[in-house]
Amino acid sequence: FRALDRMRYSKHEVAAIQIVDQGELTPQDPGEFELEAMDNGALKRVILDAAALRQYQEKLNEYQESIHQYCVRWSIPLLQLPTTVDPAEALTRALRKGGFAR
């Protein structure tokens, strides 16, 4: 949250947008998966059993809650979007709904 902290300390109005893939939020069954790093395209094979999936879900829930709590604590609007939604359209709708744009 350091980048958000820097913006807050610099007196910027801060809002957060989180884009998540449904497959990340609710992984299906245990098995072998190939993960691709978004920054450099590197591929990594991983094998997840039921225990690893449970641990993943617990950590993900903690992470999601930490984002939510941070935004609530500092009164930062948080817009969470699935990858199936166009972020530009969703942001435009949110700004219109809040009276910030026509």
N, C-alpha and C. Protein backbone atom coordinates (compact mmCIF):
# COMPACT_ATOMS: atom_id res chain seq x y z
N PHE A 1 0.81 -1.20 0.00
CA PHE A 1 0.00 0.00 0.00
C PHE A 1 0.86 1.27 0.00
N ARG A 2 2.15 1.10 -0.18
CA ARG A 2 3.04 2.27 -0.13
C ARG A 2 2.73 3.32 -1.20
N ALA A 3 2.40 2.86 -2.41
CA ALA A 3 2.10 3.82 -3.47
C ALA A 3 0.85 4.64 -3.12
N LEU A 4 -0.16 3.97 -2.58
CA LEU A 4 -1.36 4.69 -2.17
C LEU A 4 -1.05 5.65 -1.02
N ASP A 5 -0.21 5.20 -0.09
CA ASP A 5 0.20 6.07 1.02
C ASP A 5 0.89 7.33 0.50
N ARG A 6 1.80 7.16 -0.46
CA ARG A 6 2.51 8.33 -1.01
C ARG A 6 1.55 9.32 -1.64
N MET A 7 0.57 8.78 -2.36
CA MET A 7 -0.41 9.69 -2.98
C MET A 7 -1.24 10.41 -1.92
N ARG A 8 -1.63 9.69 -0.87
CA ARG A 8 -2.40 10.32 0.20
C ARG A 8 -1.58 11.40 0.90
N TYR A 9 -0.32 11.08 1.21
CA TYR A 9 0.55 12.03 1.91
C TYR A 9 0.82 13.27 1.07
N SER A 10 0.74 13.10 -0.25
CA SER A 10 0.96 14.25 -1.15
C SER A 10 -0.34 15.02 -1.38
N LYS A 11 -1.37 14.67 -0.63
CA LYS A 11 -2.66 15.35 -0.67
C LYS A 11 -3.45 15.13 -1.96
N HIS A 12 -3.18 14.02 -2.66
CA HIS A 12 -3.96 13.67 -3.85
C HIS A 12 -5.26 13.02 -3.41
N GLU A 13 -6.30 13.16 -4.22
CA GLU A 13 -7.51 12.40 -4.00
C GLU A 13 -7.27 11.02 -4.60
N VAL A 14 -7.42 9.99 -3.80
CA VAL A 14 -7.06 8.64 -4.22
C VAL A 14 -8.30 7.77 -4.36
N ALA A 15 -8.32 6.97 -5.41
CA ALA A 15 -9.33 5.94 -5.59
C ALA A 15 -8.59 4.69 -6.06
N ALA A 16 -9.13 3.53 -5.77
CA ALA A 16 -8.48 2.28 -6.13
C ALA A 16 -9.40 1.45 -7.03
N ILE A 17 -8.79 0.86 -8.06
CA ILE A 17 -9.51 -0.06 -8.93
C ILE A 17 -8.74 -1.38 -8.91
N GLN A 18 -9.42 -2.45 -8.60
CA GLN A 18 -8.81 -3.77 -8.59
C GLN A 18 -9.51 -4.62 -9.64
N ILE A 19 -8.73 -5.16 -10.55
CA ILE A 19 -9.27 -6.03 -11.60
C ILE A 19 -8.84 -7.45 -11.29
N VAL A 20 -9.83 -8.33 -11.15
CA VAL A 20 -9.53 -9.71 -10.77
C VAL A 20 -10.18 -10.69 -11.74
N ASP A 21 -9.51 -11.78 -11.97
CA ASP A 21 -10.02 -12.84 -12.81
C ASP A 21 -10.78 -13.83 -11.94
N GLN A 22 -11.94 -14.25 -12.40
CA GLN A 22 -12.75 -15.19 -11.62
C GLN A 22 -11.98 -16.46 -11.29
N GLY A 23 -11.10 -16.89 -12.19
CA GLY A 23 -10.29 -18.08 -11.94
C GLY A 23 -9.34 -17.90 -10.77
N GLU A 24 -8.92 -16.67 -10.51
CA GLU A 24 -8.06 -16.40 -9.36
C GLU A 24 -8.85 -16.43 -8.06
N LEU A 25 -10.09 -15.96 -8.13
CA LEU A 25 -10.91 -15.88 -6.92
C LEU A 25 -11.45 -17.24 -6.48
N THR A 26 -11.79 -18.05 -7.45
CA THR A 26 -12.36 -19.37 -7.13
C THR A 26 -11.70 -20.44 -7.98
N PRO A 27 -10.48 -20.84 -7.60
CA PRO A 27 -9.82 -21.90 -8.36
C PRO A 27 -10.66 -23.17 -8.32
N GLN A 28 -10.66 -23.89 -9.41
CA GLN A 28 -11.52 -25.05 -9.56
C GLN A 28 -11.05 -26.24 -8.72
N ASP A 29 -10.49 -27.21 -9.37
CA ASP A 29 -10.10 -28.45 -8.71
C ASP A 29 -8.58 -28.52 -8.58
N PRO A 30 -8.13 -29.36 -7.65
CA PRO A 30 -6.68 -29.59 -7.57
C PRO A 30 -6.17 -30.13 -8.90
N GLY A 31 -4.89 -29.92 -9.14
CA GLY A 31 -4.30 -30.44 -10.37
C GLY A 31 -3.06 -29.67 -10.76
N GLU A 32 -2.67 -29.84 -12.00
CA GLU A 32 -1.48 -29.17 -12.53
C GLU A 32 -1.92 -27.93 -13.32
N PHE A 33 -1.24 -26.83 -13.07
CA PHE A 33 -1.59 -25.57 -13.71
C PHE A 33 -0.34 -24.92 -14.29
N GLU A 34 -0.55 -24.12 -15.31
CA GLU A 34 0.54 -23.33 -15.86
C GLU A 34 0.19 -21.87 -15.64
N LEU A 35 1.04 -21.16 -14.91
CA LEU A 35 0.81 -19.76 -14.58
C LEU A 35 1.72 -18.89 -15.44
N GLU A 36 1.19 -17.76 -15.88
CA GLU A 36 1.96 -16.84 -16.70
C GLU A 36 2.12 -15.52 -15.96
N ALA A 37 3.36 -15.07 -15.81
CA ALA A 37 3.64 -13.79 -15.18
C ALA A 37 3.21 -12.67 -16.13
N MET A 38 2.41 -11.75 -15.65
CA MET A 38 1.91 -10.68 -16.50
C MET A 38 3.00 -9.68 -16.89
N ASP A 39 4.03 -9.55 -16.06
CA ASP A 39 5.06 -8.55 -16.36
C ASP A 39 6.05 -8.99 -17.44
N ASN A 40 6.37 -10.29 -17.47
CA ASN A 40 7.39 -10.71 -18.45
C ASN A 40 6.99 -11.96 -19.26
N GLY A 41 5.80 -12.49 -19.02
CA GLY A 41 5.32 -13.62 -19.79
C GLY A 41 5.93 -14.96 -19.44
N ALA A 42 6.75 -14.99 -18.39
CA ALA A 42 7.38 -16.25 -17.98
C ALA A 42 6.31 -17.26 -17.53
N LEU A 43 6.48 -18.51 -17.92
CA LEU A 43 5.54 -19.57 -17.55
C LEU A 43 6.11 -20.41 -16.42
N LYS A 44 5.22 -20.83 -15.53
CA LYS A 44 5.64 -21.68 -14.42
C LYS A 44 4.57 -22.74 -14.21
N ARG A 45 4.99 -24.00 -14.13
CA ARG A 45 4.07 -25.10 -13.86
C ARG A 45 4.00 -25.32 -12.35
N VAL A 46 2.78 -25.48 -11.86
CA VAL A 46 2.59 -25.76 -10.44
C VAL A 46 1.57 -26.88 -10.30
N ILE A 47 1.72 -27.65 -9.25
CA ILE A 47 0.77 -28.70 -8.92
C ILE A 47 0.15 -28.35 -7.58
N LEU A 48 -1.17 -28.26 -7.57
CA LEU A 48 -1.87 -27.88 -6.35
C LEU A 48 -2.77 -29.04 -5.90
N ASP A 49 -2.59 -29.41 -4.63
CA ASP A 49 -3.49 -30.41 -4.06
C ASP A 49 -4.58 -29.68 -3.28
N ALA A 50 -5.49 -30.41 -2.70
CA ALA A 50 -6.62 -29.81 -1.99
C ALA A 50 -6.16 -28.91 -0.84
N ALA A 51 -5.14 -29.34 -0.11
CA ALA A 51 -4.64 -28.53 1.00
C ALA A 51 -4.05 -27.22 0.50
N ALA A 52 -3.31 -27.26 -0.59
CA ALA A 52 -2.72 -26.05 -1.16
C ALA A 52 -3.80 -25.09 -1.65
N LEU A 53 -4.87 -25.64 -2.24
CA LEU A 53 -5.97 -24.79 -2.68
C LEU A 53 -6.67 -24.12 -1.51
N ARG A 54 -6.85 -24.85 -0.42
CA ARG A 54 -7.45 -24.25 0.78
C ARG A 54 -6.57 -23.12 1.31
N GLN A 55 -5.27 -23.38 1.37
CA GLN A 55 -4.33 -22.36 1.85
C GLN A 55 -4.34 -21.14 0.92
N TYR A 56 -4.37 -21.37 -0.37
CA TYR A 56 -4.45 -20.29 -1.34
C TYR A 56 -5.70 -19.44 -1.09
N GLN A 57 -6.83 -20.11 -0.92
CA GLN A 57 -8.10 -19.40 -0.70
C GLN A 57 -8.05 -18.58 0.58
N GLU A 58 -7.46 -19.14 1.64
CA GLU A 58 -7.34 -18.40 2.91
C GLU A 58 -6.48 -17.16 2.73
N LYS A 59 -5.33 -17.30 2.07
CA LYS A 59 -4.43 -16.16 1.85
C LYS A 59 -5.08 -15.11 0.95
N LEU A 60 -5.79 -15.57 -0.07
CA LEU A 60 -6.47 -14.64 -0.97
C LEU A 60 -7.54 -13.86 -0.21
N ASN A 61 -8.31 -14.55 0.62
CA ASN A 61 -9.33 -13.88 1.42
C ASN A 61 -8.71 -12.84 2.35
N GLU A 62 -7.58 -13.18 2.97
CA GLU A 62 -6.88 -12.23 3.84
C GLU A 62 -6.42 -11.01 3.05
N TYR A 63 -5.88 -11.26 1.86
CA TYR A 63 -5.39 -10.17 1.01
C TYR A 63 -6.55 -9.26 0.59
N GLN A 64 -7.65 -9.86 0.14
CA GLN A 64 -8.81 -9.08 -0.28
C GLN A 64 -9.35 -8.25 0.89
N GLU A 65 -9.39 -8.86 2.06
CA GLU A 65 -9.87 -8.14 3.25
C GLU A 65 -8.93 -6.99 3.61
N SER A 66 -7.61 -7.19 3.45
CA SER A 66 -6.66 -6.11 3.76
C SER A 66 -6.85 -4.93 2.81
N ILE A 67 -7.15 -5.20 1.56
CA ILE A 67 -7.43 -4.12 0.61
C ILE A 67 -8.68 -3.36 1.05
N HIS A 68 -9.72 -4.12 1.34
CA HIS A 68 -10.98 -3.51 1.76
C HIS A 68 -10.79 -2.66 3.03
N GLN A 69 -10.12 -3.22 4.03
CA GLN A 69 -9.92 -2.50 5.30
C GLN A 69 -9.07 -1.25 5.11
N TYR A 70 -8.03 -1.34 4.28
CA TYR A 70 -7.19 -0.17 4.01
C TYR A 70 -8.03 0.95 3.40
N CYS A 71 -8.83 0.59 2.40
CA CYS A 71 -9.64 1.60 1.73
C CYS A 71 -10.70 2.20 2.66
N VAL A 72 -11.31 1.37 3.49
CA VAL A 72 -12.28 1.88 4.46
C VAL A 72 -11.58 2.82 5.45
N ARG A 73 -10.44 2.40 5.96
CA ARG A 73 -9.72 3.19 6.97
C ARG A 73 -9.40 4.59 6.46
N TRP A 74 -9.00 4.69 5.19
CA TRP A 74 -8.56 5.96 4.63
C TRP A 74 -9.61 6.59 3.72
N SER A 75 -10.83 6.09 3.76
CA SER A 75 -11.94 6.61 2.95
C SER A 75 -11.58 6.69 1.47
N ILE A 76 -10.98 5.62 0.98
CA ILE A 76 -10.60 5.53 -0.43
C ILE A 76 -11.67 4.71 -1.16
N PRO A 77 -12.29 5.30 -2.18
CA PRO A 77 -13.25 4.52 -2.96
C PRO A 77 -12.54 3.33 -3.61
N LEU A 78 -13.18 2.17 -3.56
CA LEU A 78 -12.62 0.95 -4.14
C LEU A 78 -13.60 0.39 -5.14
N LEU A 79 -13.15 0.22 -6.37
CA LEU A 79 -13.95 -0.38 -7.42
C LEU A 79 -13.29 -1.69 -7.80
N GLN A 80 -13.97 -2.80 -7.53
CA GLN A 80 -13.45 -4.13 -7.85
C GLN A 80 -14.19 -4.65 -9.07
N LEU A 81 -13.42 -5.02 -10.10
CA LEU A 81 -14.01 -5.43 -11.37
C LEU A 81 -13.50 -6.79 -11.80
N PRO A 82 -14.39 -7.59 -12.38
CA PRO A 82 -13.91 -8.84 -13.00
C PRO A 82 -13.28 -8.52 -14.35
N THR A 83 -12.46 -9.42 -14.83
CA THR A 83 -11.78 -9.21 -16.11
C THR A 83 -12.76 -9.19 -17.28
N THR A 84 -13.97 -9.63 -17.06
CA THR A 84 -14.97 -9.65 -18.13
C THR A 84 -15.61 -8.28 -18.37
N VAL A 85 -15.30 -7.31 -17.50
CA VAL A 85 -15.87 -5.96 -17.62
C VAL A 85 -14.79 -5.01 -18.13
N ASP A 86 -15.17 -4.14 -19.06
CA ASP A 86 -14.25 -3.13 -19.58
C ASP A 86 -14.03 -2.08 -18.49
N PRO A 87 -12.78 -1.93 -18.01
CA PRO A 87 -12.51 -0.97 -16.92
C PRO A 87 -12.88 0.46 -17.27
N ALA A 88 -12.66 0.88 -18.51
CA ALA A 88 -12.98 2.25 -18.90
C ALA A 88 -14.49 2.51 -18.79
N GLU A 89 -15.29 1.56 -19.27
CA GLU A 89 -16.74 1.72 -19.18
C GLU A 89 -17.21 1.72 -17.73
N ALA A 90 -16.66 0.82 -16.92
CA ALA A 90 -17.06 0.74 -15.52
C ALA A 90 -16.68 2.02 -14.77
N LEU A 91 -15.51 2.55 -15.05
CA LEU A 91 -15.08 3.79 -14.40
C LEU A 91 -15.97 4.95 -14.82
N THR A 92 -16.29 5.01 -16.09
CA THR A 92 -17.17 6.07 -16.57
C THR A 92 -18.53 6.00 -15.88
N ARG A 93 -19.10 4.78 -15.78
CA ARG A 93 -20.38 4.61 -15.08
C ARG A 93 -20.28 5.04 -13.63
N ALA A 94 -19.18 4.65 -12.96
CA ALA A 94 -19.00 5.00 -11.55
C ALA A 94 -18.89 6.52 -11.37
N LEU A 95 -18.15 7.18 -12.26
CA LEU A 95 -18.01 8.64 -12.18
C LEU A 95 -19.33 9.34 -12.43
N ARG A 96 -20.10 8.83 -13.38
CA ARG A 96 -21.42 9.41 -13.66
C ARG A 96 -22.36 9.22 -12.46
N LYS A 97 -22.34 8.00 -11.92
CA LYS A 97 -23.20 7.71 -10.78
C LYS A 97 -22.88 8.61 -9.59
N GLY A 98 -21.59 8.90 -9.41
CA GLY A 98 -21.18 9.77 -8.31
C GLY A 98 -21.32 11.24 -8.59
N GLY A 99 -21.78 11.58 -9.82
CA GLY A 99 -21.96 12.99 -10.16
C GLY A 99 -20.70 13.70 -10.57
N PHE A 100 -19.64 12.95 -10.87
CA PHE A 100 -18.37 13.56 -11.25
C PHE A 100 -18.20 13.73 -12.75
N ALA A 101 -19.06 13.10 -13.52
CA ALA A 101 -18.99 13.19 -14.98
C ALA A 101 -20.40 13.06 -15.54
N ARG A 102 -20.55 13.52 -16.78
CA ARG A 102 -21.86 13.40 -17.45
C ARG A 102 -21.84 12.29 -18.46
